[in-house]
Amino acid sequence: MDENKTYETALAELESLVQRVEDPDRSFSSMMADLRRGRDLVAYCREQLRKQEEDLL
């Protein structure tokens, strides 16, 4: 994950990936690469949310 990535930029990239994956003209391998990237972004976002929750408790 990029060191300068924020929750907001990760979420924006996820939204972009969803739109690209839904494109029926994309190749399967390209779609799979986007899905893998999306998986990593979701994990990053979850970790950021977990850290924020810990800070609140």
N, C-alpha and C. Protein backbone atom coordinates (compact mmCIF):
# COMPACT_ATOMS: atom_id res chain seq x y z
N MET A 1 0.85 -1.18 0.00
CA MET A 1 0.00 0.00 0.00
C MET A 1 0.89 1.23 0.00
N ASP A 2 0.47 2.24 -0.70
CA ASP A 2 1.22 3.48 -0.76
C ASP A 2 1.33 4.11 0.62
N GLU A 3 2.49 4.64 0.94
CA GLU A 3 2.69 5.24 2.26
C GLU A 3 1.87 6.51 2.45
N ASN A 4 1.55 7.20 1.37
CA ASN A 4 0.79 8.45 1.47
C ASN A 4 -0.72 8.23 1.30
N LYS A 5 -1.13 6.98 1.24
CA LYS A 5 -2.54 6.67 1.05
C LYS A 5 -3.32 7.03 2.31
N THR A 6 -4.49 7.60 2.11
CA THR A 6 -5.39 7.88 3.22
C THR A 6 -6.64 7.03 3.04
N TYR A 7 -7.44 6.96 4.06
CA TYR A 7 -8.71 6.24 3.97
C TYR A 7 -9.54 6.79 2.82
N GLU A 8 -9.58 8.10 2.71
CA GLU A 8 -10.41 8.74 1.68
C GLU A 8 -9.92 8.41 0.27
N THR A 9 -8.60 8.43 0.06
CA THR A 9 -8.09 8.12 -1.29
C THR A 9 -8.28 6.64 -1.60
N ALA A 10 -8.14 5.79 -0.60
CA ALA A 10 -8.37 4.35 -0.81
C ALA A 10 -9.82 4.10 -1.17
N LEU A 11 -10.73 4.77 -0.48
CA LEU A 11 -12.15 4.60 -0.77
C LEU A 11 -12.49 5.11 -2.17
N ALA A 12 -11.92 6.23 -2.56
CA ALA A 12 -12.15 6.76 -3.90
C ALA A 12 -11.62 5.79 -4.96
N GLU A 13 -10.46 5.20 -4.71
CA GLU A 13 -9.93 4.23 -5.67
C GLU A 13 -10.82 2.99 -5.74
N LEU A 14 -11.34 2.56 -4.60
CA LEU A 14 -12.27 1.42 -4.60
C LEU A 14 -13.50 1.72 -5.45
N GLU A 15 -14.04 2.91 -5.31
CA GLU A 15 -15.22 3.28 -6.09
C GLU A 15 -14.90 3.25 -7.58
N SER A 16 -13.72 3.71 -7.94
CA SER A 16 -13.29 3.68 -9.34
C SER A 16 -13.14 2.24 -9.84
N LEU A 17 -12.57 1.39 -8.99
CA LEU A 17 -12.39 -0.01 -9.36
C LEU A 17 -13.73 -0.70 -9.60
N VAL A 18 -14.71 -0.39 -8.77
CA VAL A 18 -16.04 -0.99 -8.93
C VAL A 18 -16.60 -0.64 -10.30
N GLN A 19 -16.46 0.61 -10.69
CA GLN A 19 -16.97 1.02 -12.01
C GLN A 19 -16.24 0.29 -13.13
N ARG A 20 -14.92 0.14 -12.99
CA ARG A 20 -14.16 -0.54 -14.04
C ARG A 20 -14.51 -2.02 -14.12
N VAL A 21 -14.69 -2.66 -12.97
CA VAL A 21 -15.01 -4.09 -12.95
C VAL A 21 -16.38 -4.34 -13.59
N GLU A 22 -17.29 -3.40 -13.45
CA GLU A 22 -18.62 -3.55 -14.02
C GLU A 22 -18.66 -3.35 -15.53
N ASP A 23 -17.56 -2.90 -16.13
CA ASP A 23 -17.49 -2.69 -17.57
C ASP A 23 -17.42 -4.05 -18.28
N PRO A 24 -18.43 -4.38 -19.09
CA PRO A 24 -18.46 -5.70 -19.73
C PRO A 24 -17.39 -5.89 -20.81
N ASP A 25 -16.75 -4.82 -21.25
CA ASP A 25 -15.74 -4.92 -22.31
C ASP A 25 -14.32 -5.15 -21.77
N ARG A 26 -14.16 -5.21 -20.47
CA ARG A 26 -12.83 -5.42 -19.88
C ARG A 26 -12.43 -6.87 -19.99
N SER A 27 -11.13 -7.07 -20.12
CA SER A 27 -10.63 -8.44 -20.18
C SER A 27 -10.71 -9.08 -18.80
N PHE A 28 -10.78 -10.40 -18.80
CA PHE A 28 -10.86 -11.13 -17.54
C PHE A 28 -9.63 -10.89 -16.68
N SER A 29 -8.44 -10.93 -17.28
CA SER A 29 -7.22 -10.75 -16.49
C SER A 29 -7.14 -9.34 -15.90
N SER A 30 -7.59 -8.35 -16.64
CA SER A 30 -7.61 -6.98 -16.13
C SER A 30 -8.60 -6.85 -14.97
N MET A 31 -9.75 -7.48 -15.14
CA MET A 31 -10.76 -7.45 -14.08
C MET A 31 -10.23 -8.14 -12.82
N MET A 32 -9.54 -9.26 -12.97
CA MET A 32 -9.00 -9.97 -11.82
C MET A 32 -7.93 -9.14 -11.12
N ALA A 33 -7.11 -8.44 -11.87
CA ALA A 33 -6.10 -7.56 -11.26
C ALA A 33 -6.79 -6.46 -10.45
N ASP A 34 -7.86 -5.90 -10.98
CA ASP A 34 -8.61 -4.88 -10.25
C ASP A 34 -9.23 -5.45 -8.99
N LEU A 35 -9.74 -6.68 -9.07
CA LEU A 35 -10.34 -7.30 -7.89
C LEU A 35 -9.30 -7.55 -6.80
N ARG A 36 -8.10 -7.96 -7.21
CA ARG A 36 -7.02 -8.15 -6.22
C ARG A 36 -6.64 -6.82 -5.57
N ARG A 37 -6.54 -5.78 -6.37
CA ARG A 37 -6.24 -4.44 -5.84
C ARG A 37 -7.35 -4.01 -4.89
N GLY A 38 -8.58 -4.26 -5.28
CA GLY A 38 -9.72 -3.93 -4.43
C GLY A 38 -9.67 -4.65 -3.10
N ARG A 39 -9.29 -5.92 -3.13
CA ARG A 39 -9.16 -6.70 -1.90
C ARG A 39 -8.14 -6.04 -0.96
N ASP A 40 -7.02 -5.60 -1.53
CA ASP A 40 -5.99 -4.95 -0.72
C ASP A 40 -6.48 -3.61 -0.16
N LEU A 41 -7.22 -2.87 -0.96
CA LEU A 41 -7.75 -1.59 -0.50
C LEU A 41 -8.78 -1.77 0.61
N VAL A 42 -9.62 -2.79 0.48
CA VAL A 42 -10.61 -3.07 1.53
C VAL A 42 -9.90 -3.42 2.83
N ALA A 43 -8.86 -4.24 2.74
CA ALA A 43 -8.09 -4.59 3.94
C ALA A 43 -7.48 -3.35 4.57
N TYR A 44 -6.95 -2.46 3.76
CA TYR A 44 -6.37 -1.21 4.26
C TYR A 44 -7.45 -0.36 4.96
N CYS A 45 -8.59 -0.21 4.33
CA CYS A 45 -9.67 0.59 4.91
C CYS A 45 -10.14 -0.01 6.24
N ARG A 46 -10.28 -1.31 6.28
CA ARG A 46 -10.69 -1.97 7.52
C ARG A 46 -9.69 -1.71 8.64
N GLU A 47 -8.41 -1.78 8.30
CA GLU A 47 -7.37 -1.54 9.30
C GLU A 47 -7.42 -0.10 9.79
N GLN A 48 -7.64 0.85 8.89
CA GLN A 48 -7.74 2.24 9.29
C GLN A 48 -8.94 2.46 10.21
N LEU A 49 -10.06 1.84 9.89
CA LEU A 49 -11.25 1.96 10.74
C LEU A 49 -11.01 1.32 12.11
N ARG A 50 -10.33 0.19 12.14
CA ARG A 50 -10.03 -0.49 13.40
C ARG A 50 -9.16 0.41 14.29
N LYS A 51 -8.16 1.04 13.67
CA LYS A 51 -7.28 1.95 14.43
C LYS A 51 -8.06 3.13 14.99
N GLN A 52 -8.96 3.69 14.20
CA GLN A 52 -9.76 4.81 14.68
C GLN A 52 -10.68 4.38 15.82
N GLU A 53 -11.23 3.19 15.72
CA GLU A 53 -12.09 2.67 16.78
C GLU A 53 -11.29 2.51 18.08
N GLU A 54 -10.07 1.99 17.98
CA GLU A 54 -9.22 1.84 19.16
C GLU A 54 -8.93 3.19 19.81
N ASP A 55 -8.72 4.21 18.99
CA ASP A 55 -8.44 5.54 19.52
C ASP A 55 -9.64 6.11 20.30
N LEU A 56 -10.83 5.69 19.90
CA LEU A 56 -12.03 6.20 20.55
C LEU A 56 -12.31 5.50 21.88
N LEU A 57 -11.77 4.31 22.04
CA LEU A 57 -12.06 3.54 23.26
C LEU A 57 -11.08 3.79 24.35
